[in-house]
Amino acid sequence: MQKRHDNLLTARLEHVVDAGVAHILWNELYTWYDVKKIAAGTYRDLNQRWDEITDGDEGRLMKIEGAGGIFLAAENEVMPLFEEKVSSEE
């Protein structure tokens, strides 16, 4: 990975810490990692970088895939949209 791409990726992961979420385009990942296919090695590297940046304080790095790329979020920031209240009258 080129140094400038390394810096862009690090900035994007730090944005997850600061803002709670960041978006990475598929084309950015292909360019940054100089690959034709996004495979397990790419995700392992993202996870390792995340662990180095957060020291595990933010939980796991979570992703939501879309047509244009992936949204990354800290596990500690992700929650269900709605939770049913459980009735105790059963």
N, C-alpha and C. Protein backbone atom coordinates (compact mmCIF):
# COMPACT_ATOMS: atom_id res chain seq x y z
N MET A 1 0.85 -1.17 0.00
CA MET A 1 0.00 0.00 0.00
C MET A 1 0.90 1.24 0.00
N GLN A 2 0.55 2.18 -0.86
CA GLN A 2 1.31 3.42 -0.91
C GLN A 2 1.06 4.23 0.36
N LYS A 3 2.06 5.01 0.74
CA LYS A 3 1.98 5.79 1.98
C LYS A 3 0.76 6.72 1.99
N ARG A 4 0.47 7.37 0.88
CA ARG A 4 -0.67 8.29 0.84
C ARG A 4 -1.99 7.54 1.03
N HIS A 5 -2.07 6.32 0.49
CA HIS A 5 -3.27 5.52 0.69
C HIS A 5 -3.38 5.05 2.13
N ASP A 6 -2.24 4.70 2.70
CA ASP A 6 -2.20 4.31 4.11
C ASP A 6 -2.73 5.45 4.99
N ASN A 7 -2.29 6.66 4.69
CA ASN A 7 -2.75 7.83 5.46
C ASN A 7 -4.24 8.09 5.28
N LEU A 8 -4.76 7.92 4.06
CA LEU A 8 -6.19 8.10 3.82
C LEU A 8 -7.02 7.08 4.59
N LEU A 9 -6.56 5.83 4.57
CA LEU A 9 -7.28 4.77 5.28
C LEU A 9 -7.26 5.02 6.78
N THR A 10 -6.11 5.40 7.30
CA THR A 10 -6.02 5.69 8.73
C THR A 10 -6.95 6.85 9.10
N ALA A 11 -7.00 7.87 8.27
CA ALA A 11 -7.89 9.00 8.53
C ALA A 11 -9.35 8.56 8.53
N ARG A 12 -9.71 7.66 7.63
CA ARG A 12 -11.09 7.19 7.56
C ARG A 12 -11.44 6.39 8.80
N LEU A 13 -10.52 5.56 9.28
CA LEU A 13 -10.78 4.79 10.50
C LEU A 13 -10.85 5.71 11.72
N GLU A 14 -10.02 6.72 11.76
CA GLU A 14 -10.09 7.69 12.85
C GLU A 14 -11.40 8.47 12.80
N HIS A 15 -11.93 8.66 11.60
CA HIS A 15 -13.23 9.33 11.46
C HIS A 15 -14.34 8.48 12.10
N VAL A 16 -14.22 7.17 12.01
CA VAL A 16 -15.19 6.29 12.68
C VAL A 16 -15.16 6.55 14.18
N VAL A 17 -13.96 6.68 14.74
CA VAL A 17 -13.83 6.95 16.17
C VAL A 17 -14.45 8.30 16.51
N ASP A 18 -14.17 9.31 15.70
CA ASP A 18 -14.62 10.68 15.99
C ASP A 18 -16.09 10.91 15.69
N ALA A 19 -16.56 10.40 14.55
CA ALA A 19 -17.92 10.70 14.09
C ALA A 19 -18.88 9.54 14.24
N GLY A 20 -18.36 8.35 14.52
CA GLY A 20 -19.22 7.19 14.69
C GLY A 20 -19.39 6.35 13.45
N VAL A 21 -19.14 6.94 12.28
CA VAL A 21 -19.31 6.21 11.03
C VAL A 21 -18.45 6.85 9.94
N ALA A 22 -18.04 6.03 8.98
CA ALA A 22 -17.31 6.52 7.80
C ALA A 22 -17.68 5.64 6.62
N HIS A 23 -17.55 6.19 5.43
CA HIS A 23 -17.87 5.46 4.21
C HIS A 23 -16.60 5.31 3.38
N ILE A 24 -16.40 4.12 2.85
CA ILE A 24 -15.28 3.86 1.94
C ILE A 24 -15.87 3.28 0.66
N LEU A 25 -15.55 3.89 -0.46
CA LEU A 25 -16.01 3.39 -1.76
C LEU A 25 -15.25 2.12 -2.12
N TRP A 26 -15.93 1.22 -2.86
CA TRP A 26 -15.26 0.00 -3.31
C TRP A 26 -14.02 0.35 -4.11
N ASN A 27 -14.14 1.34 -5.00
CA ASN A 27 -12.99 1.72 -5.83
C ASN A 27 -11.82 2.21 -4.99
N GLU A 28 -12.10 2.87 -3.88
CA GLU A 28 -11.01 3.28 -3.00
C GLU A 28 -10.30 2.06 -2.44
N LEU A 29 -11.05 1.07 -1.97
CA LEU A 29 -10.43 -0.14 -1.42
C LEU A 29 -9.58 -0.86 -2.47
N TYR A 30 -10.11 -0.99 -3.69
CA TYR A 30 -9.35 -1.64 -4.77
C TYR A 30 -8.05 -0.89 -5.04
N THR A 31 -8.13 0.43 -5.07
CA THR A 31 -6.94 1.26 -5.33
C THR A 31 -5.97 1.21 -4.18
N TRP A 32 -6.46 1.41 -2.96
CA TRP A 32 -5.58 1.45 -1.79
C TRP A 32 -4.84 0.14 -1.60
N TYR A 33 -5.55 -0.99 -1.75
CA TYR A 33 -4.93 -2.29 -1.52
C TYR A 33 -4.33 -2.89 -2.80
N ASP A 34 -4.53 -2.20 -3.93
CA ASP A 34 -4.00 -2.65 -5.22
C ASP A 34 -4.40 -4.10 -5.50
N VAL A 35 -5.72 -4.35 -5.43
CA VAL A 35 -6.27 -5.68 -5.66
C VAL A 35 -7.41 -5.61 -6.68
N LYS A 36 -7.74 -6.74 -7.25
CA LYS A 36 -8.86 -6.85 -8.18
C LYS A 36 -10.10 -7.41 -7.48
N LYS A 37 -9.89 -7.98 -6.28
CA LYS A 37 -10.99 -8.57 -5.52
C LYS A 37 -10.77 -8.26 -4.04
N ILE A 38 -11.83 -7.81 -3.38
CA ILE A 38 -11.76 -7.58 -1.94
C ILE A 38 -11.99 -8.93 -1.27
N ALA A 39 -10.97 -9.40 -0.58
CA ALA A 39 -11.04 -10.73 0.04
C ALA A 39 -10.77 -10.63 1.53
N ALA A 40 -10.66 -11.77 2.16
CA ALA A 40 -10.48 -11.85 3.62
C ALA A 40 -9.25 -11.08 4.09
N GLY A 41 -8.19 -11.08 3.31
CA GLY A 41 -6.98 -10.38 3.70
C GLY A 41 -7.20 -8.89 3.88
N THR A 42 -8.01 -8.32 3.03
CA THR A 42 -8.33 -6.89 3.13
C THR A 42 -9.08 -6.61 4.42
N TYR A 43 -10.08 -7.43 4.71
CA TYR A 43 -10.85 -7.24 5.93
C TYR A 43 -10.01 -7.50 7.18
N ARG A 44 -9.11 -8.48 7.11
CA ARG A 44 -8.21 -8.72 8.24
C ARG A 44 -7.33 -7.51 8.51
N ASP A 45 -6.82 -6.90 7.44
CA ASP A 45 -5.98 -5.72 7.59
C ASP A 45 -6.77 -4.56 8.18
N LEU A 46 -7.99 -4.34 7.69
CA LEU A 46 -8.84 -3.28 8.26
C LEU A 46 -9.07 -3.52 9.75
N ASN A 47 -9.35 -4.76 10.10
CA ASN A 47 -9.59 -5.11 11.50
C ASN A 47 -8.34 -4.87 12.36
N GLN A 48 -7.19 -5.26 11.84
CA GLN A 48 -5.94 -5.06 12.58
C GLN A 48 -5.66 -3.57 12.78
N ARG A 49 -5.85 -2.78 11.75
CA ARG A 49 -5.65 -1.33 11.85
C ARG A 49 -6.61 -0.74 12.88
N TRP A 50 -7.86 -1.21 12.86
CA TRP A 50 -8.86 -0.73 13.80
C TRP A 50 -8.43 -1.02 15.24
N ASP A 51 -7.97 -2.24 15.47
CA ASP A 51 -7.51 -2.62 16.81
C ASP A 51 -6.33 -1.76 17.26
N GLU A 52 -5.42 -1.44 16.34
CA GLU A 52 -4.28 -0.59 16.67
C GLU A 52 -4.72 0.83 17.02
N ILE A 53 -5.68 1.35 16.28
CA ILE A 53 -6.15 2.73 16.49
C ILE A 53 -6.94 2.85 17.79
N THR A 54 -7.76 1.84 18.09
CA THR A 54 -8.70 1.96 19.22
C THR A 54 -8.25 1.23 20.48
N ASP A 55 -7.25 0.40 20.39
CA ASP A 55 -6.84 -0.44 21.52
C ASP A 55 -8.01 -1.25 22.07
N GLY A 56 -8.98 -1.55 21.22
CA GLY A 56 -10.13 -2.35 21.63
C GLY A 56 -11.19 -1.61 22.40
N ASP A 57 -11.01 -0.29 22.61
CA ASP A 57 -11.95 0.49 23.42
C ASP A 57 -13.28 0.76 22.73
N GLU A 58 -13.33 0.63 21.42
CA GLU A 58 -14.56 0.94 20.68
C GLU A 58 -15.31 -0.31 20.25
N GLY A 59 -14.85 -1.47 20.64
CA GLY A 59 -15.47 -2.72 20.19
C GLY A 59 -14.97 -3.07 18.80
N ARG A 60 -15.65 -4.04 18.21
CA ARG A 60 -15.25 -4.49 16.87
C ARG A 60 -15.62 -3.45 15.81
N LEU A 61 -14.93 -3.52 14.67
CA LEU A 61 -15.28 -2.69 13.53
C LEU A 61 -16.41 -3.37 12.79
N MET A 62 -17.52 -2.67 12.61
CA MET A 62 -18.70 -3.22 11.95
C MET A 62 -18.81 -2.63 10.56
N LYS A 63 -19.48 -3.36 9.64
CA LYS A 63 -19.66 -2.85 8.28
C LYS A 63 -21.08 -3.06 7.80
N ILE A 64 -21.49 -2.15 6.94
CA ILE A 64 -22.73 -2.29 6.20
C ILE A 64 -22.36 -2.13 4.74
N GLU A 65 -22.60 -3.16 3.95
CA GLU A 65 -22.24 -3.11 2.54
C GLU A 65 -23.36 -2.50 1.72
N GLY A 66 -22.95 -1.72 0.73
CA GLY A 66 -23.87 -1.14 -0.22
C GLY A 66 -23.28 -1.26 -1.61
N ALA A 67 -24.02 -0.81 -2.59
CA ALA A 67 -23.57 -0.92 -3.98
C ALA A 67 -22.29 -0.12 -4.22
N GLY A 68 -22.16 1.02 -3.54
CA GLY A 68 -21.01 1.88 -3.80
C GLY A 68 -19.82 1.65 -2.91
N GLY A 69 -19.99 0.90 -1.82
CA GLY A 69 -18.89 0.69 -0.90
C GLY A 69 -19.38 0.15 0.43
N ILE A 70 -18.66 0.49 1.49
CA ILE A 70 -19.05 0.03 2.82
C ILE A 70 -19.07 1.20 3.79
N PHE A 71 -20.02 1.14 4.68
CA PHE A 71 -20.05 2.04 5.82
C PHE A 71 -19.40 1.30 6.97
N LEU A 72 -18.50 1.96 7.67
CA LEU A 72 -17.84 1.38 8.82
C LEU A 72 -18.33 2.09 10.07
N ALA A 73 -18.53 1.32 11.13
CA ALA A 73 -18.99 1.88 12.40
C ALA A 73 -18.37 1.09 13.54
N ALA A 74 -18.22 1.76 14.66
CA ALA A 74 -17.73 1.09 15.86
C ALA A 74 -18.86 0.27 16.46
N GLU A 75 -18.56 -0.93 16.92
CA GLU A 75 -19.55 -1.81 17.52
C GLU A 75 -20.29 -1.10 18.66
N ASN A 76 -19.57 -0.31 19.44
CA ASN A 76 -20.17 0.38 20.58
C ASN A 76 -21.17 1.45 20.17
N GLU A 77 -21.16 1.85 18.90
CA GLU A 77 -22.06 2.90 18.41
C GLU A 77 -23.27 2.34 17.68
N VAL A 78 -23.30 1.04 17.42
CA VAL A 78 -24.39 0.44 16.64
C VAL A 78 -25.44 -0.09 17.60
N MET A 79 -26.69 0.22 17.29
CA MET A 79 -27.79 -0.28 18.12
C MET A 79 -28.99 -0.57 17.22
N PRO A 80 -29.90 -1.38 17.69
CA PRO A 80 -31.10 -1.66 16.90
C PRO A 80 -31.92 -0.39 16.69
N LEU A 81 -32.61 -0.33 15.59
CA LEU A 81 -33.49 0.80 15.30
C LEU A 81 -34.66 0.84 16.28
N PHE A 82 -35.16 -0.34 16.65
CA PHE A 82 -36.34 -0.41 17.51
C PHE A 82 -36.28 -1.71 18.31
N GLU A 83 -36.64 -1.64 19.56
CA GLU A 83 -36.70 -2.85 20.39
C GLU A 83 -38.10 -2.98 20.97
N GLU A 84 -38.69 -4.14 20.81
CA GLU A 84 -39.99 -4.42 21.38
C GLU A 84 -39.88 -4.50 22.90
N LYS A 85 -40.82 -3.92 23.60
CA LYS A 85 -40.86 -4.07 25.05
C LYS A 85 -41.46 -5.41 25.38
N VAL A 86 -40.83 -6.12 26.28
CA VAL A 86 -41.31 -7.44 26.67
C VAL A 86 -42.31 -7.25 27.81
N SER A 87 -43.48 -7.80 27.61
CA SER A 87 -44.53 -7.68 28.62
C SER A 87 -44.31 -8.74 29.71
N SER A 88 -44.48 -8.36 30.94
CA SER A 88 -44.31 -9.32 32.05
C SER A 88 -45.64 -9.96 32.43
N GLU A 89 -46.67 -9.77 31.62
CA GLU A 89 -48.01 -10.31 31.92
C GLU A 89 -48.29 -11.59 31.15
N GLU A 90 -47.38 -12.52 31.10
CA GLU A 90 -47.61 -13.76 30.35
C GLU A 90 -47.97 -14.88 31.25
